[in-house]
């Protein structure tokens, strides 16, 4: 923002950074909040929020790979041998989430199948490419979370703490990289940045798997994190292409696609690890990362397509109420002026 718009943009930046702290529940709202801004500003705001969100939400997550290192018998995932502490912790979290009195939001709409059909009918190609990119990116992330520490143990004889450090370094790279990527959004399109970051991630993953020494392997794990850093927020920056409230719906679908990828790809390479070795299983994570590069160029073309229509193919209001569609129109009008 420039001139009179600069203070408002800075306030929006601060708000988005604060919203990033509540990563899991606030992201759809953050996607809606950046909708009225110009394209470059949308990317900037989402990256700003994602950087804080990484520290808050991702770094404290229990990685399956860490458990596998500490429990060598769990070669293909979490089994009954997993630590008693993890099971108690999971149960306590489940009870807490069930008991907390979540206050409803005034005027909130419940998400139903009709809304999802409406979003898909509006810009189905863009939506499909966004979900595909997220699925492939999170598949890479999940494979690294499981097989990276196992690789450190099998290839270099590292202890549990050192092996788990590789995952920490990977996520440290992600956290730092998201702030490094912010100024780049002023010079390059999101899709091209996505292709570049995903390509670097693929190269560094292969290097991590092939390095002959532990230290170099750890270094390239950090660099792989730098490559992965901006992929999620760069895809998320396309959510404002859908009007108002529906940008949050699209982000929720992204979370669903990412969850499906993390739950399947992480363990789907187990047979390859048994047959070809842990290092090969780790290197296979470069395949979905490389596929993100291809999807990124298609994503750029799809984003140039027609704007989201005011009505779905069923004739119902896309926004669920007149205000949502009206806000989207006002936003486009402001950009034209």
Protein backbone atom coordinates (compact mmCIF):
# COMPACT_ATOMS: atom_id res chain seq x y z
CA UNK A 1 0.00 0.00 0.00
CA UNK A 2 1.10 3.56 -0.68
CA UNK A 3 -0.05 7.00 0.43
CA UNK A 4 -3.23 6.98 2.48
CA UNK A 5 -3.55 3.21 2.05
CA UNK A 6 -0.24 2.43 3.77
CA UNK A 7 -1.45 2.66 7.41
CA UNK A 8 -4.46 0.47 6.65
CA UNK A 9 -2.25 -2.10 4.93
CA UNK A 10 0.18 -2.15 7.86
CA UNK A 11 -2.70 -2.70 10.27
CA UNK A 12 -3.86 -5.58 8.08
CA UNK A 13 -0.32 -6.99 8.12
CA UNK A 14 -0.18 -6.85 11.91
CA UNK A 15 -3.61 -8.48 12.18
CA UNK A 16 -2.57 -11.28 9.81
CA UNK A 17 0.60 -11.95 11.79
CA UNK A 18 -1.46 -12.24 14.97
CA UNK A 19 -3.99 -14.47 13.24
CA UNK A 20 -1.14 -16.76 12.20
CA UNK A 21 -0.60 -17.63 15.85
CA UNK A 22 -3.92 -19.46 15.85
CA UNK A 23 -2.94 -21.48 12.79
CA UNK A 24 -5.33 -24.39 12.93
CA UNK A 25 -8.60 -22.53 13.47
CA UNK A 26 -7.95 -19.04 12.14
CA UNK A 27 -6.45 -19.63 8.68
CA UNK A 28 -9.76 -19.62 6.78
CA UNK A 29 -10.57 -16.28 8.37
CA UNK A 30 -7.17 -14.90 7.46
CA UNK A 31 -7.73 -15.92 3.84
CA UNK A 32 -11.00 -13.97 3.81
CA UNK A 33 -9.38 -10.97 5.49
CA UNK A 34 -6.78 -10.45 2.74
CA UNK A 35 -9.40 -10.61 -0.04
CA UNK A 36 -9.83 -6.85 -0.61
CA UNK A 37 -6.11 -6.26 -1.24
CA UNK A 38 -4.19 -6.26 -4.49
CA UNK A 39 -2.64 -9.54 -5.64
CA UNK A 40 0.89 -8.79 -4.41
CA UNK A 41 -0.45 -7.62 -1.06
CA UNK A 42 -2.50 -10.81 -0.69
CA UNK A 43 0.63 -12.93 -1.13
CA UNK A 44 2.56 -10.75 1.31
CA UNK A 45 -0.11 -10.97 4.01
CA UNK A 46 -0.55 -14.73 3.74
CA UNK A 47 3.20 -15.32 3.91
CA UNK A 48 3.42 -13.06 6.94
CA UNK A 49 0.74 -15.00 8.76
CA UNK A 50 2.11 -18.38 7.73
CA UNK A 51 5.56 -17.55 9.10
CA UNK A 52 4.21 -17.05 12.62
CA UNK A 53 1.85 -20.00 12.20
CA UNK A 54 4.80 -22.28 11.49
CA UNK A 55 6.35 -21.43 14.84
CA UNK A 56 3.06 -21.82 16.69
CA UNK A 57 1.43 -24.83 15.06
CA UNK A 58 4.00 -26.88 13.24
CA UNK A 59 7.04 -26.90 15.44
CA UNK A 60 5.15 -28.35 18.40
CA UNK A 61 3.57 -31.18 16.41
CA UNK A 62 4.63 -34.73 17.31
CA UNK A 63 6.21 -36.21 14.21
CA UNK A 64 5.72 -39.93 13.54
CA UNK A 65 9.37 -40.13 12.52
CA UNK A 66 10.47 -39.08 15.99
CA UNK A 67 8.44 -41.91 17.52
CA UNK A 68 9.83 -44.39 14.99
CA UNK A 69 13.37 -43.44 15.95
CA UNK A 70 12.68 -43.89 19.64
CA UNK A 71 10.69 -47.08 18.99
CA UNK A 72 12.59 -49.02 16.28
CA UNK A 73 9.87 -51.68 16.16
CA UNK A 74 7.48 -49.17 14.60
CA UNK A 75 8.91 -49.52 11.10
CA UNK A 76 5.70 -48.61 9.26
CA UNK A 77 3.94 -46.25 11.63
CA UNK A 78 2.61 -45.99 15.12
CA UNK A 79 1.68 -49.28 16.77
CA UNK A 80 0.85 -50.44 20.26
CA UNK A 81 4.53 -50.13 21.16
CA UNK A 82 4.23 -46.32 20.98
CA UNK A 83 4.97 -44.55 24.20
CA UNK A 84 2.34 -44.47 26.94
CA UNK A 85 2.95 -40.75 27.30
CA UNK A 86 1.81 -40.06 23.74
CA UNK A 87 -1.42 -42.00 24.23
CA UNK A 88 -2.17 -40.17 27.49
CA UNK A 89 -1.42 -36.83 25.87
CA UNK A 90 -3.67 -37.60 22.87
CA UNK A 91 -6.51 -38.65 25.18
CA UNK A 92 -6.15 -35.49 27.28
CA UNK A 93 -6.27 -33.29 24.17
CA UNK A 94 -9.37 -35.12 22.90
CA UNK A 95 -11.16 -34.63 26.23
CA UNK A 96 -10.18 -30.95 26.39
CA UNK A 97 -11.39 -30.23 22.86
CA UNK A 98 -14.68 -32.02 23.53
CA UNK A 99 -15.31 -30.15 26.79
CA UNK A 100 -14.40 -26.61 25.72
CA UNK A 101 -17.48 -24.45 25.15
CA UNK A 102 -16.80 -23.03 21.71
CA UNK A 103 -18.84 -19.86 21.28
CA UNK A 104 -20.79 -19.63 18.06
CA UNK A 105 -20.17 -16.79 15.60
CA UNK A 106 -23.08 -14.47 14.87
CA UNK A 107 -24.33 -14.95 11.33
CA UNK A 108 -22.10 -17.96 10.71
CA UNK A 109 -23.12 -20.33 7.92
CA UNK A 110 -22.76 -24.08 8.34
CA UNK A 111 -20.71 -25.69 5.58
CA UNK A 112 -22.62 -28.27 3.56
CA UNK A 113 -22.25 -30.23 0.34
CA UNK A 114 -24.13 -27.57 -1.61
CA UNK A 115 -21.50 -24.99 -0.72
CA UNK A 116 -18.73 -27.30 -1.89
CA UNK A 117 -20.54 -27.91 -5.17
CA UNK A 118 -20.95 -24.17 -5.58
CA UNK A 119 -17.25 -23.52 -5.12
CA UNK A 120 -16.30 -26.30 -7.53
CA UNK A 121 -18.78 -25.05 -10.13
CA UNK A 122 -17.31 -21.55 -10.00
CA UNK A 123 -13.67 -22.23 -10.83
CA UNK A 124 -13.26 -25.98 -10.82
CA UNK A 125 -9.92 -26.06 -12.65
CA UNK A 126 -8.29 -23.54 -10.33
CA UNK A 127 -9.68 -25.33 -7.28
CA UNK A 128 -8.50 -28.72 -8.53
CA UNK A 129 -4.99 -27.46 -9.21
CA UNK A 130 -4.79 -25.79 -5.80
CA UNK A 131 -5.86 -28.98 -4.03
CA UNK A 132 -3.50 -31.04 -6.19
CA UNK A 133 -0.55 -28.78 -5.38
CA UNK A 134 -1.31 -28.95 -1.67
CA UNK A 135 -1.75 -32.72 -1.78
CA UNK A 136 1.64 -33.17 -3.45
CA UNK A 137 3.42 -30.67 -1.21
CA UNK A 138 2.10 -32.15 2.04
CA UNK A 139 2.87 -35.64 0.72
CA UNK A 140 6.50 -34.55 0.48
CA UNK A 141 6.38 -33.03 3.95
CA UNK A 142 4.86 -36.18 5.43
CA UNK A 143 7.41 -38.47 3.81
CA UNK A 144 10.25 -36.36 5.20
CA UNK A 145 8.69 -36.30 8.67
CA UNK A 146 8.70 -40.10 8.76
CA UNK A 147 11.76 -41.17 6.78
CA UNK A 148 14.24 -38.35 7.40
CA UNK A 149 15.10 -39.36 10.99
CA UNK A 150 15.06 -43.05 10.03
CA UNK A 151 17.59 -42.23 7.30
CA UNK A 152 19.88 -40.56 9.82
CA UNK A 153 19.79 -43.68 12.00
CA UNK A 154 20.21 -46.25 9.23
CA UNK A 155 22.79 -44.40 7.14
CA UNK A 156 24.94 -42.77 9.82
CA UNK A 157 24.14 -44.58 13.06
CA UNK A 158 22.84 -41.38 14.62
CA UNK A 159 21.21 -41.50 18.05
CA UNK A 160 17.55 -40.61 18.58
CA UNK A 161 18.22 -36.99 19.53
CA UNK A 162 20.49 -36.26 16.56
CA UNK A 163 18.13 -38.04 14.17
CA UNK A 164 15.14 -36.04 15.42
CA UNK A 165 17.23 -32.88 15.01
CA UNK A 166 17.06 -33.38 11.23
CA UNK A 167 13.29 -32.82 11.34
CA UNK A 168 13.78 -29.76 13.54
CA UNK A 169 16.27 -28.35 11.03
CA UNK A 170 13.83 -29.02 8.20
CA UNK A 171 11.11 -27.02 9.98
CA UNK A 172 13.57 -24.32 10.97
CA UNK A 173 14.27 -23.92 7.25
CA UNK A 174 10.54 -23.62 6.59
CA UNK A 175 10.12 -20.97 9.29
CA UNK A 176 13.04 -18.85 8.10
CA UNK A 177 12.26 -19.33 4.42
CA UNK A 178 8.77 -17.89 4.69
CA UNK A 179 10.18 -14.55 5.74
CA UNK A 180 12.89 -14.70 3.08
CA UNK A 181 10.17 -15.26 0.48
CA UNK A 182 8.12 -12.19 1.42
CA UNK A 183 10.13 -9.58 -0.56
CA UNK A 184 10.25 -11.89 -3.58
CA UNK A 185 6.48 -11.61 -3.96
CA UNK A 186 6.91 -8.02 -5.12
CA UNK A 187 8.98 -9.10 -8.13
CA UNK A 188 7.60 -12.48 -9.20
CA UNK A 189 4.21 -14.13 -9.60
CA UNK A 190 3.11 -16.64 -6.93
CA UNK A 191 3.06 -19.53 -9.42
CA UNK A 192 6.63 -18.92 -10.57
CA UNK A 193 7.81 -18.62 -7.01
CA UNK A 194 5.99 -21.87 -6.20
CA UNK A 195 7.74 -23.64 -9.08
CA UNK A 196 11.12 -22.32 -7.97
CA UNK A 197 10.73 -23.21 -4.31
CA UNK A 198 9.33 -26.67 -5.03
CA UNK A 199 12.13 -27.35 -7.51
CA UNK A 200 14.76 -26.41 -4.94
CA UNK A 201 13.04 -28.62 -2.38
CA UNK A 202 13.20 -31.61 -4.74
CA UNK A 203 16.90 -31.07 -5.45
CA UNK A 204 17.81 -30.67 -1.78
CA UNK A 205 15.80 -33.77 -0.79
CA UNK A 206 17.84 -35.88 -3.19
CA UNK A 207 21.03 -34.28 -1.85
CA UNK A 208 19.97 -35.07 1.72
CA UNK A 209 19.49 -38.72 0.81
CA UNK A 210 22.79 -39.02 -1.08
CA UNK A 211 25.14 -37.09 1.19
CA UNK A 212 27.90 -39.39 2.54
CA UNK A 213 28.18 -37.63 5.92
CA UNK A 214 25.76 -36.84 8.72
CA UNK A 215 26.59 -33.13 8.97
CA UNK A 216 26.08 -32.50 5.25
CA UNK A 217 22.86 -34.48 5.34
CA UNK A 218 21.61 -32.27 8.17
CA UNK A 219 22.63 -29.13 6.27
CA UNK A 220 20.69 -30.20 3.20
CA UNK A 221 17.69 -31.11 5.36
CA UNK A 222 17.67 -27.47 6.46
CA UNK A 223 17.99 -26.33 2.83
CA UNK A 224 15.12 -28.62 1.85
CA UNK A 225 13.08 -26.79 4.47
CA UNK A 226 13.98 -23.48 2.84
CA UNK A 227 12.77 -24.88 -0.46
CA UNK A 228 9.53 -26.12 1.06
CA UNK A 229 8.93 -22.96 3.07
CA UNK A 230 6.76 -20.89 0.76
CA UNK A 231 4.88 -23.69 -1.04
CA UNK A 232 1.80 -23.81 1.19
CA UNK A 233 1.25 -20.02 1.53
CA UNK A 234 1.93 -19.48 -2.18
CA UNK A 235 -0.89 -21.88 -3.03
CA UNK A 236 -3.06 -20.36 -0.29
CA UNK A 237 -2.68 -16.91 -1.83
CA UNK A 238 -5.06 -18.02 -4.59
CA UNK A 239 -7.92 -18.46 -2.10
CA UNK A 240 -8.99 -14.79 -2.52
CA UNK A 241 -9.80 -15.65 -6.16
CA UNK A 242 -12.98 -17.03 -4.62
CA UNK A 243 -15.36 -14.40 -3.22
CA UNK A 244 -15.52 -13.46 0.45
CA UNK A 245 -16.62 -16.31 2.70
CA UNK A 246 -15.87 -18.91 0.05
CA UNK A 247 -12.14 -18.27 0.25
CA UNK A 248 -12.35 -19.80 3.72
CA UNK A 249 -14.20 -22.81 2.30
CA UNK A 250 -11.40 -23.32 -0.22
CA UNK A 251 -8.80 -23.12 2.53
CA UNK A 252 -10.68 -25.74 4.52
CA UNK A 253 -10.59 -28.02 1.47
CA UNK A 254 -6.83 -27.42 1.27
CA UNK A 255 -6.49 -28.57 4.88
CA UNK A 256 -8.51 -31.69 4.05
CA UNK A 257 -6.33 -32.47 1.03
CA UNK A 258 -3.18 -31.97 3.09
CA UNK A 259 -4.44 -34.24 5.86
CA UNK A 260 -5.22 -36.99 3.34
CA UNK A 261 -1.75 -36.69 1.80
CA UNK A 262 0.05 -36.72 5.15
CA UNK A 263 -1.92 -39.77 6.29
CA UNK A 264 -1.19 -41.86 3.20
CA UNK A 265 2.07 -40.94 1.49
CA UNK A 266 4.11 -41.11 4.69
CA UNK A 267 3.64 -44.86 4.91
CA UNK A 268 2.95 -45.77 1.29
CA UNK A 269 6.70 -45.87 0.62
CA UNK A 270 7.23 -48.51 3.32
CA UNK A 271 7.55 -51.39 0.81
CA UNK A 272 10.12 -49.40 -1.18
CA UNK A 273 12.09 -48.80 2.00
CA UNK A 274 12.15 -52.54 2.74
CA UNK A 275 13.13 -53.50 -0.80
CA UNK A 276 15.52 -50.68 -1.74
CA UNK A 277 16.59 -49.07 1.54
CA UNK A 278 15.75 -46.08 3.70
CA UNK A 279 17.79 -43.65 1.59
CA UNK A 280 15.76 -44.51 -1.51
CA UNK A 281 12.53 -44.06 0.44
CA UNK A 282 13.72 -40.59 1.46
CA UNK A 283 14.74 -39.69 -2.10
CA UNK A 284 11.28 -40.68 -3.34
CA UNK A 285 9.94 -37.59 -1.54
CA UNK A 286 11.48 -35.54 -4.36
CA UNK A 287 8.90 -36.97 -6.81
CA UNK A 288 5.80 -35.20 -5.43
CA UNK A 289 7.90 -32.07 -4.85
CA UNK A 290 8.92 -32.10 -8.50
CA UNK A 291 5.30 -32.63 -9.52
CA UNK A 292 4.40 -29.39 -7.71
CA UNK A 293 6.63 -27.56 -10.23
CA UNK A 294 4.48 -28.84 -13.11
CA UNK A 295 1.24 -27.99 -11.30
CA UNK A 296 2.53 -24.48 -10.55
CA UNK A 297 2.71 -23.48 -14.23
CA UNK A 298 -0.80 -24.83 -14.84
CA UNK A 299 -1.96 -22.94 -11.75
CA UNK A 300 -0.71 -19.67 -13.18
CA UNK A 301 -2.76 -20.18 -16.34
CA UNK A 302 -5.88 -21.23 -14.42
CA UNK A 303 -5.68 -18.13 -12.21
CA UNK A 304 -5.98 -15.95 -15.32
CA UNK A 305 -9.34 -17.48 -16.15
CA UNK A 306 -12.77 -15.87 -15.72
CA UNK A 307 -13.74 -14.53 -12.34
CA UNK A 308 -15.90 -16.55 -9.97
CA UNK A 309 -19.55 -16.29 -11.14
CA UNK A 310 -22.25 -14.74 -8.99
CA UNK A 311 -24.43 -17.86 -9.23
CA UNK A 312 -23.72 -21.58 -9.32
CA UNK A 313 -24.96 -23.92 -12.03
CA UNK A 314 -27.93 -24.75 -9.84
CA UNK A 315 -29.09 -21.15 -9.85
CA UNK A 316 -28.55 -20.66 -6.11
CA UNK A 317 -26.60 -17.76 -4.69
CA UNK A 318 -22.95 -18.72 -4.55
CA UNK A 319 -22.29 -16.61 -1.50
CA UNK A 320 -25.24 -17.87 0.48
CA UNK A 321 -26.35 -14.27 0.89
CA UNK A 322 -26.28 -11.11 -1.17
CA UNK A 323 -23.59 -9.48 0.94
CA UNK A 324 -20.88 -11.99 0.10
CA UNK A 325 -21.26 -11.67 -3.66
CA UNK A 326 -21.61 -7.92 -3.32
CA UNK A 327 -18.36 -7.62 -1.37
CA UNK A 328 -16.54 -9.57 -4.06
CA UNK A 329 -17.87 -7.18 -6.70
CA UNK A 330 -16.85 -4.14 -4.69
CA UNK A 331 -13.36 -5.56 -4.31
CA UNK A 332 -12.98 -6.03 -8.08
CA UNK A 333 -14.32 -2.53 -8.67
CA UNK A 334 -11.76 -1.04 -6.30
CA UNK A 335 -8.95 -2.83 -8.11
CA UNK A 336 -10.11 -1.49 -11.48
CA UNK A 337 -10.03 2.05 -10.11
